[in-house]
Amino acid sequence: MAPNSIRSEALDLLLQRVRGGTLTEQTALELHERITGVKMRLLGDRVSRRTAWQIARDRDWSTLTEAEYLAVAKLQADALITVNPEMAAKATGIVPLAPFTDLLAD
């Protein structure tokens, strides 16, 4: 489960890599197609947006990007999986963390 914005964020990261010269445009677009094909439940309703807003306000963050992921995990009573240490630190006190390998578990 992830916020609606995840696919746009992935495309943004791919564009940055193309501009940085670490990916060709063709490879980036192929990766985007693969990402688009990944089945995932996306959440972007009023409650999740409001929860993200409250998390960002409570933590005095200037954007909602990270707060959206935390809101989704919180509302689903789930754990956050991230490889980003900064994001993991932001989750402290909001949602539990789970290892990346949990994504691969049956």
Protein backbone atom coordinates (compact mmCIF):
# COMPACT_ATOMS: atom_id res chain seq x y z
CA MET A 1 0.00 0.00 0.00
CA ALA A 2 1.25 3.47 -0.86
CA PRO A 3 -0.04 6.96 -1.52
CA ASN A 4 -1.31 7.78 -5.01
CA SER A 5 1.79 9.87 -5.63
CA ILE A 6 4.20 6.91 -5.63
CA ARG A 7 4.20 6.37 -9.38
CA SER A 8 4.78 10.07 -10.10
CA GLU A 9 7.60 10.10 -7.57
CA ALA A 10 9.17 7.07 -9.25
CA LEU A 11 8.93 8.77 -12.64
CA ASP A 12 10.51 11.88 -11.15
CA LEU A 13 13.44 9.83 -9.83
CA LEU A 14 13.89 8.22 -13.24
CA LEU A 15 13.93 11.64 -14.90
CA GLN A 16 16.61 12.80 -12.48
CA ARG A 17 18.73 9.77 -13.37
CA VAL A 18 18.29 10.45 -17.11
CA ARG A 19 19.29 14.08 -16.61
CA GLY A 20 22.25 12.95 -14.51
CA GLY A 21 23.40 10.62 -17.25
CA THR A 22 23.09 7.40 -15.25
CA LEU A 23 20.13 6.06 -17.27
CA THR A 24 19.13 6.34 -20.89
CA GLU A 25 15.68 7.68 -21.61
CA GLN A 26 14.66 4.36 -23.13
CA THR A 27 15.75 2.42 -20.04
CA ALA A 28 14.01 4.90 -17.74
CA LEU A 29 10.75 4.60 -19.65
CA GLU A 30 11.01 0.80 -19.67
CA LEU A 31 11.52 0.84 -15.90
CA HIS A 32 8.51 3.12 -15.53
CA GLU A 33 6.38 0.66 -17.48
CA ARG A 34 7.50 -2.10 -15.14
CA ILE A 35 6.69 0.04 -12.10
CA THR A 36 3.27 0.83 -13.54
CA GLY A 37 2.63 -2.89 -13.89
CA VAL A 38 3.34 -3.62 -10.24
CA LYS A 39 0.06 -4.30 -8.48
CA MET A 40 -0.28 -2.15 -5.42
CA ARG A 41 -3.11 -0.66 -3.50
CA LEU A 42 -2.99 3.12 -3.59
CA LEU A 43 -4.60 5.40 -1.07
CA GLY A 44 -5.41 9.04 -1.65
CA ASP A 45 -8.71 9.76 0.05
CA ARG A 46 -9.62 12.69 2.28
CA VAL A 47 -8.77 10.87 5.47
CA SER A 48 -5.26 9.91 4.34
CA ARG A 49 -4.58 13.44 3.05
CA ARG A 50 -5.84 14.95 6.30
CA THR A 51 -3.75 12.53 8.34
CA ALA A 52 -0.68 13.40 6.27
CA TRP A 53 -1.41 17.08 6.84
CA GLN A 54 -1.62 16.55 10.58
CA ILE A 55 1.60 14.54 10.71
CA ALA A 56 3.44 17.23 8.75
CA ARG A 57 2.03 19.99 10.98
CA ASP A 58 2.84 18.11 14.18
CA ARG A 59 6.42 17.49 13.04
CA ASP A 60 6.84 20.97 11.50
CA TRP A 61 7.71 19.54 8.06
CA SER A 62 7.53 21.83 5.06
CA THR A 63 6.14 19.21 2.64
CA LEU A 64 3.66 16.36 2.77
CA THR A 65 5.69 13.86 0.72
CA GLU A 66 7.00 11.76 3.61
CA ALA A 67 3.89 12.37 5.68
CA GLU A 68 1.73 10.73 3.00
CA TYR A 69 3.61 7.44 3.33
CA LEU A 70 3.40 7.57 7.10
CA ALA A 71 -0.31 8.43 6.99
CA VAL A 72 -1.06 5.43 4.78
CA ALA A 73 0.88 3.09 7.08
CA LYS A 74 -0.76 4.57 10.16
CA LEU A 75 -4.29 4.37 8.80
CA GLN A 76 -3.77 0.78 7.70
CA ALA A 77 -2.21 -0.14 11.08
CA ASP A 78 0.77 -1.34 9.09
CA ALA A 79 4.53 -0.94 9.21
CA LEU A 80 6.65 1.24 6.95
CA ILE A 81 9.26 -0.36 4.73
CA THR A 82 11.97 1.98 3.51
CA VAL A 83 15.62 1.86 2.53
CA ASN A 84 15.96 5.57 3.28
CA PRO A 85 17.46 6.14 6.76
CA GLU A 86 16.03 9.67 6.91
CA MET A 87 12.54 8.37 6.22
CA ALA A 88 13.02 5.63 8.81
CA ALA A 89 13.97 8.28 11.38
CA LYS A 90 10.87 10.32 10.50
CA ALA A 91 8.67 7.28 11.14
CA THR A 92 9.81 7.12 14.77
CA GLY A 93 6.84 7.50 17.06
CA ILE A 94 4.34 7.35 14.18
CA VAL A 95 4.51 3.85 12.71
CA PRO A 96 6.69 0.77 13.21
CA LEU A 97 9.35 -0.16 10.66
CA ALA A 98 9.67 -3.49 8.87
CA PRO A 99 12.61 -4.87 6.87
CA PHE A 100 12.63 -4.80 3.08
CA THR A 101 12.58 -8.62 3.03
CA ASP A 102 9.00 -8.51 4.36
CA LEU A 103 7.92 -7.39 0.87
CA LEU A 104 9.13 -10.72 -0.48
CA ALA A 105 7.49 -12.88 2.20
CA ASP A 106 4.59 -15.12 1.22
